[in-house]
Amino acid sequence: MSLKNLNTRRLHADRAMPIRVYNTLTRKKEEFVPLHANRVSMFVCGLTPQDETHMGHAKTYVAFDVVARFLRHKGFHVFYLQNVTDIEDRIIEKMQKTGREWKDIVNQYFGEYLEVMDALRCNSVDVYAFATDYIDDIVARSKDSSRRDTRTSPKTEASTTTRPRSPAGAS
């Protein structure tokens, strides 16, 4: 018995379909429209490299990699920044337990993370922004925001520096 192909209509590959996303502010699905022409900036909360990479990391970062690739495929110019929280309580605790320097701990686990992401072919991140590179900015913004009325949320532009994907370049 042969199966009949029910897809007999011509494909409309040239017809542009809008990308629809869920807007958490309006609680509706809306057409995706970039804020700046064809440019899309993605900031993704990244890894705290204090232990081995696990499936939760893979699930999260594969999903964002797919989003970045899809947007690029659709012709958008995507800038994808992922932060790395390279100092925090769990890293300090591991430092105290092992006697190792925090940079050694971070370099080990961030390096393992990059190896796993490479194995999964997740290579869409443009910049990894390490928190310790921005401590002065974070402290200044914290002080400044404590002086402001907490009911308002002013827009701010964050500056970034390019960091190599290799942990050897991490300082």
C-alpha atoms as a PDB file:
ATOM      1  CA  MET A   1       0.000   0.000   0.000  1.00  0.00           C
ATOM      2  CA  SER A   2       1.414   3.372  -0.934  1.00  0.00           C
ATOM      3  CA  LEU A   3       0.854   6.457   1.174  1.00  0.00           C
ATOM      4  CA  LYS A   4      -0.685   9.454  -0.500  1.00  0.00           C
ATOM      5  CA  ASN A   5       1.041  12.795  -0.025  1.00  0.00           C
ATOM      6  CA  LEU A   6      -1.592  15.146   1.402  1.00  0.00           C
ATOM      7  CA  ASN A   7       0.689  18.168   1.040  1.00  0.00           C
ATOM      8  CA  THR A   8      -0.314  19.038  -2.489  1.00  0.00           C
ATOM      9  CA  ARG A   9      -0.413  22.812  -2.166  1.00  0.00           C
ATOM     10  CA  ARG A  10       2.636  24.788  -3.261  1.00  0.00           C
ATOM     11  CA  LEU A  11       4.971  25.919  -0.519  1.00  0.00           C
ATOM     12  CA  HIS A  12       5.137  29.614   0.263  1.00  0.00           C
ATOM     13  CA  ALA A  13       8.796  29.708   1.258  1.00  0.00           C
ATOM     14  CA  ASP A  14       9.164  33.244  -0.059  1.00  0.00           C
ATOM     15  CA  ARG A  15       6.328  34.553   2.110  1.00  0.00           C
ATOM     16  CA  ALA A  16       7.673  36.120   5.302  1.00  0.00           C
ATOM     17  CA  MET A  17       6.016  34.922   8.468  1.00  0.00           C
ATOM     18  CA  PRO A  18       6.293  37.171  11.494  1.00  0.00           C
ATOM     19  CA  ILE A  19       8.105  35.851  14.529  1.00  0.00           C
ATOM     20  CA  ARG A  20       5.728  35.836  17.479  1.00  0.00           C
ATOM     21  CA  VAL A  21       6.980  35.797  21.066  1.00  0.00           C
ATOM     22  CA  TYR A  22       5.350  35.927  24.468  1.00  0.00           C
ATOM     23  CA  ASN A  23       5.681  39.386  26.026  1.00  0.00           C
ATOM     24  CA  THR A  24       5.770  38.996  29.822  1.00  0.00           C
ATOM     25  CA  LEU A  25       4.842  42.670  30.287  1.00  0.00           C
ATOM     26  CA  THR A  26       1.611  42.505  28.274  1.00  0.00           C
ATOM     27  CA  ARG A  27       1.040  38.778  28.873  1.00  0.00           C
ATOM     28  CA  LYS A  28       0.297  38.288  25.180  1.00  0.00           C
ATOM     29  CA  LYS A  29       1.967  36.789  22.142  1.00  0.00           C
ATOM     30  CA  GLU A  30       3.166  39.631  19.965  1.00  0.00           C
ATOM     31  CA  GLU A  31       5.085  40.082  16.744  1.00  0.00           C
ATOM     32  CA  PHE A  32       8.806  40.363  17.432  1.00  0.00           C
ATOM     33  CA  VAL A  33      10.092  43.778  16.391  1.00  0.00           C
ATOM     34  CA  PRO A  34      13.711  44.711  17.224  1.00  0.00           C
ATOM     35  CA  LEU A  35      14.269  47.983  19.060  1.00  0.00           C
ATOM     36  CA  HIS A  36      16.997  49.056  16.619  1.00  0.00           C
ATOM     37  CA  ALA A  37      16.248  48.242  12.972  1.00  0.00           C
ATOM     38  CA  ASN A  38      17.681  44.795  12.200  1.00  0.00           C
ATOM     39  CA  ARG A  39      19.878  44.534  15.323  1.00  0.00           C
ATOM     40  CA  VAL A  40      19.016  42.194  18.191  1.00  0.00           C
ATOM     41  CA  SER A  41      20.888  42.160  21.489  1.00  0.00           C
ATOM     42  CA  MET A  42      20.596  39.088  23.684  1.00  0.00           C
ATOM     43  CA  PHE A  43      21.752  39.182  27.303  1.00  0.00           C
ATOM     44  CA  VAL A  44      21.561  35.736  28.860  1.00  0.00           C
ATOM     45  CA  CYS A  45      22.258  35.055  32.502  1.00  0.00           C
ATOM     46  CA  GLY A  46      25.136  32.642  32.295  1.00  0.00           C
ATOM     47  CA  LEU A  47      27.118  30.169  34.293  1.00  0.00           C
ATOM     48  CA  THR A  48      28.514  30.337  37.816  1.00  0.00           C
ATOM     49  CA  PRO A  49      31.536  28.096  37.216  1.00  0.00           C
ATOM     50  CA  GLN A  50      31.806  26.451  40.630  1.00  0.00           C
ATOM     51  CA  ASP A  51      31.069  22.817  39.791  1.00  0.00           C
ATOM     52  CA  GLU A  52      30.695  20.431  36.860  1.00  0.00           C
ATOM     53  CA  THR A  53      28.512  21.307  33.896  1.00  0.00           C
ATOM     54  CA  HIS A  54      25.208  19.398  33.946  1.00  0.00           C
ATOM     55  CA  MET A  55      22.076  18.820  31.872  1.00  0.00           C
ATOM     56  CA  GLY A  56      20.403  21.945  33.255  1.00  0.00           C
ATOM     57  CA  HIS A  57      23.180  24.021  31.727  1.00  0.00           C
ATOM     58  CA  ALA A  58      22.842  22.183  28.432  1.00  0.00           C
ATOM     59  CA  LYS A  59      19.061  22.649  28.321  1.00  0.00           C
ATOM     60  CA  THR A  60      19.275  26.368  28.992  1.00  0.00           C
ATOM     61  CA  TYR A  61      22.145  27.243  26.691  1.00  0.00           C
ATOM     62  CA  VAL A  62      21.094  24.977  23.819  1.00  0.00           C
ATOM     63  CA  ALA A  63      17.738  26.784  23.858  1.00  0.00           C
ATOM     64  CA  PHE A  64      19.331  30.246  23.686  1.00  0.00           C
ATOM     65  CA  ASP A  65      21.789  29.053  21.041  1.00  0.00           C
ATOM     66  CA  VAL A  66      18.829  27.954  18.908  1.00  0.00           C
ATOM     67  CA  VAL A  67      17.149  31.347  19.372  1.00  0.00           C
ATOM     68  CA  ALA A  68      20.318  33.221  18.325  1.00  0.00           C
ATOM     69  CA  ARG A  69      20.834  30.947  15.303  1.00  0.00           C
ATOM     70  CA  PHE A  70      17.212  31.274  14.244  1.00  0.00           C
ATOM     71  CA  LEU A  71      17.317  35.070  14.440  1.00  0.00           C
ATOM     72  CA  ARG A  72      20.571  35.131  12.444  1.00  0.00           C
ATOM     73  CA  HIS A  73      19.019  32.764   9.898  1.00  0.00           C
ATOM     74  CA  LYS A  74      16.115  35.209   9.559  1.00  0.00           C
ATOM     75  CA  GLY A  75      18.606  37.970   8.719  1.00  0.00           C
ATOM     76  CA  PHE A  76      18.907  39.751  12.051  1.00  0.00           C
ATOM     77  CA  HIS A  77      22.295  40.977  13.260  1.00  0.00           C
ATOM     78  CA  VAL A  78      22.467  39.332  16.687  1.00  0.00           C
ATOM     79  CA  PHE A  79      24.819  40.346  19.475  1.00  0.00           C
ATOM     80  CA  TYR A  80      24.685  37.602  22.123  1.00  0.00           C
ATOM     81  CA  LEU A  81      26.281  38.312  25.492  1.00  0.00           C
ATOM     82  CA  GLN A  82      26.310  35.758  28.281  1.00  0.00           C
ATOM     83  CA  ASN A  83      27.490  36.813  31.709  1.00  0.00           C
ATOM     84  CA  VAL A  84      29.699  34.596  33.872  1.00  0.00           C
ATOM     85  CA  THR A  85      29.348  35.002  37.639  1.00  0.00           C
ATOM     86  CA  ASP A  86      32.961  34.227  38.414  1.00  0.00           C
ATOM     87  CA  ILE A  87      32.870  35.190  42.095  1.00  0.00           C
ATOM     88  CA  GLU A  88      30.131  34.348  44.561  1.00  0.00           C
ATOM     89  CA  ASP A  89      29.545  32.430  47.795  1.00  0.00           C
ATOM     90  CA  ARG A  90      29.734  28.915  46.325  1.00  0.00           C
ATOM     91  CA  ILE A  91      33.078  29.674  44.675  1.00  0.00           C
ATOM     92  CA  ILE A  92      34.404  31.142  47.928  1.00  0.00           C
ATOM     93  CA  GLU A  93      33.217  28.053  49.839  1.00  0.00           C
ATOM     94  CA  LYS A  94      34.938  25.758  47.337  1.00  0.00           C
ATOM     95  CA  MET A  95      38.079  27.896  47.682  1.00  0.00           C
ATOM     96  CA  GLN A  96      38.026  27.459  51.453  1.00  0.00           C
ATOM     97  CA  LYS A  97      37.386  23.695  51.234  1.00  0.00           C
ATOM     98  CA  THR A  98      40.020  22.969  48.587  1.00  0.00           C
ATOM     99  CA  GLY A  99      42.667  25.604  49.302  1.00  0.00           C
ATOM    100  CA  ARG A 100      42.624  26.556  45.600  1.00  0.00           C
ATOM    101  CA  GLU A 101      42.525  30.095  44.213  1.00  0.00           C
ATOM    102  CA  TRP A 102      39.136  31.269  42.941  1.00  0.00           C
ATOM    103  CA  LYS A 103      40.582  31.885  39.469  1.00  0.00           C
ATOM    104  CA  ASP A 104      41.772  28.270  39.268  1.00  0.00           C
ATOM    105  CA  ILE A 105      38.314  27.005  40.214  1.00  0.00           C
ATOM    106  CA  VAL A 106      36.615  29.304  37.709  1.00  0.00           C
ATOM    107  CA  ASN A 107      39.080  28.468  34.916  1.00  0.00           C
ATOM    108  CA  GLN A 108      38.631  24.726  35.477  1.00  0.00           C
ATOM    109  CA  TYR A 109      34.835  24.706  35.451  1.00  0.00           C
ATOM    110  CA  PHE A 110      34.432  27.402  32.800  1.00  0.00           C
ATOM    111  CA  GLY A 111      36.844  25.469  30.577  1.00  0.00           C
ATOM    112  CA  GLU A 112      34.810  22.287  31.080  1.00  0.00           C
ATOM    113  CA  TYR A 113      31.640  24.226  30.299  1.00  0.00           C
ATOM    114  CA  LEU A 114      33.110  25.505  27.025  1.00  0.00           C
ATOM    115  CA  GLU A 115      34.144  21.970  26.066  1.00  0.00           C
ATOM    116  CA  VAL A 116      30.592  20.712  26.658  1.00  0.00           C
ATOM    117  CA  MET A 117      29.075  23.624  24.729  1.00  0.00           C
ATOM    118  CA  ASP A 118      31.491  22.963  21.846  1.00  0.00           C
ATOM    119  CA  ALA A 119      30.519  19.271  21.868  1.00  0.00           C
ATOM    120  CA  LEU A 120      26.859  20.345  21.659  1.00  0.00           C
ATOM    121  CA  ARG A 121      27.796  22.765  18.845  1.00  0.00           C
ATOM    122  CA  CYS A 122      26.560  25.744  20.884  1.00  0.00           C
ATOM    123  CA  ASN A 123      28.754  28.489  19.497  1.00  0.00           C
ATOM    124  CA  SER A 124      26.475  31.512  19.138  1.00  0.00           C
ATOM    125  CA  VAL A 125      27.785  33.546  22.102  1.00  0.00           C
ATOM    126  CA  ASP A 126      29.705  36.634  20.983  1.00  0.00           C
ATOM    127  CA  VAL A 127      30.972  37.751  24.397  1.00  0.00           C
ATOM    128  CA  TYR A 128      31.315  36.149  27.807  1.00  0.00           C
ATOM    129  CA  ALA A 129      31.213  38.994  30.343  1.00  0.00           C
ATOM    130  CA  PHE A 130      32.871  38.006  33.618  1.00  0.00           C
ATOM    131  CA  ALA A 131      31.389  39.704  36.697  1.00  0.00           C
ATOM    132  CA  THR A 132      34.808  40.463  38.196  1.00  0.00           C
ATOM    133  CA  ASP A 133      35.561  42.684  35.194  1.00  0.00           C
ATOM    134  CA  TYR A 134      32.660  44.915  36.273  1.00  0.00           C
ATOM    135  CA  ILE A 135      32.919  45.052  40.071  1.00  0.00           C
ATOM    136  CA  ASP A 136      33.551  48.822  40.126  1.00  0.00           C
ATOM    137  CA  ASP A 137      30.557  49.427  37.828  1.00  0.00           C
ATOM    138  CA  ILE A 138      28.356  47.114  39.905  1.00  0.00           C
ATOM    139  CA  VAL A 139      29.293  48.861  43.162  1.00  0.00           C
ATOM    140  CA  ALA A 140      28.736  52.303  41.620  1.00  0.00           C
ATOM    141  CA  ARG A 141      25.331  51.323  40.235  1.00  0.00           C
ATOM    142  CA  SER A 142      24.344  49.756  43.549  1.00  0.00           C
ATOM    143  CA  LYS A 143      25.219  52.945  45.411  1.00  0.00           C
ATOM    144  CA  ASP A 144      23.490  55.070  42.806  1.00  0.00           C
ATOM    145  CA  SER A 145      20.332  52.946  42.782  1.00  0.00           C
ATOM    146  CA  SER A 146      20.094  53.011  46.581  1.00  0.00           C
ATOM    147  CA  ARG A 147      19.769  56.809  46.306  1.00  0.00           C
ATOM    148  CA  ARG A 148      16.991  56.619  43.697  1.00  0.00           C
ATOM    149  CA  ASP A 149      13.323  56.100  44.211  1.00  0.00           C
ATOM    150  CA  THR A 150      12.831  52.318  43.989  1.00  0.00           C
ATOM    151  CA  ARG A 151       9.510  52.773  42.181  1.00  0.00           C
ATOM    152  CA  THR A 152      11.267  53.884  38.993  1.00  0.00           C
ATOM    153  CA  SER A 153      13.446  51.788  36.756  1.00  0.00           C
ATOM    154  CA  PRO A 154      15.589  54.027  34.514  1.00  0.00           C
ATOM    155  CA  LYS A 155      17.041  52.578  31.323  1.00  0.00           C
ATOM    156  CA  THR A 156      20.797  52.197  31.322  1.00  0.00           C
ATOM    157  CA  GLU A 157      23.306  51.114  28.707  1.00  0.00           C
ATOM    158  CA  ALA A 158      25.833  48.545  29.906  1.00  0.00           C
ATOM    159  CA  SER A 159      29.283  48.511  28.391  1.00  0.00           C
ATOM    160  CA  THR A 160      30.969  45.228  27.624  1.00  0.00           C
ATOM    161  CA  THR A 161      34.439  44.040  26.855  1.00  0.00           C
ATOM    162  CA  THR A 162      35.190  41.120  24.612  1.00  0.00           C
ATOM    163  CA  ARG A 163      36.611  38.118  26.402  1.00  0.00           C
ATOM    164  CA  PRO A 164      38.080  35.117  24.642  1.00  0.00           C
ATOM    165  CA  ARG A 165      36.098  31.880  24.721  1.00  0.00           C
ATOM    166  CA  SER A 166      39.128  30.162  26.268  1.00  0.00           C
ATOM    167  CA  PRO A 167      39.403  30.219  30.059  1.00  0.00           C
ATOM    168  CA  ALA A 168      43.150  30.710  29.631  1.00  0.00           C
ATOM    169  CA  GLY A 169      42.363  34.315  28.770  1.00  0.00           C
ATOM    170  CA  ALA A 170      40.267  34.798  31.891  1.00  0.00           C
ATOM    171  CA  SER A 171      41.897  36.914  34.523  1.00  0.00           C
END
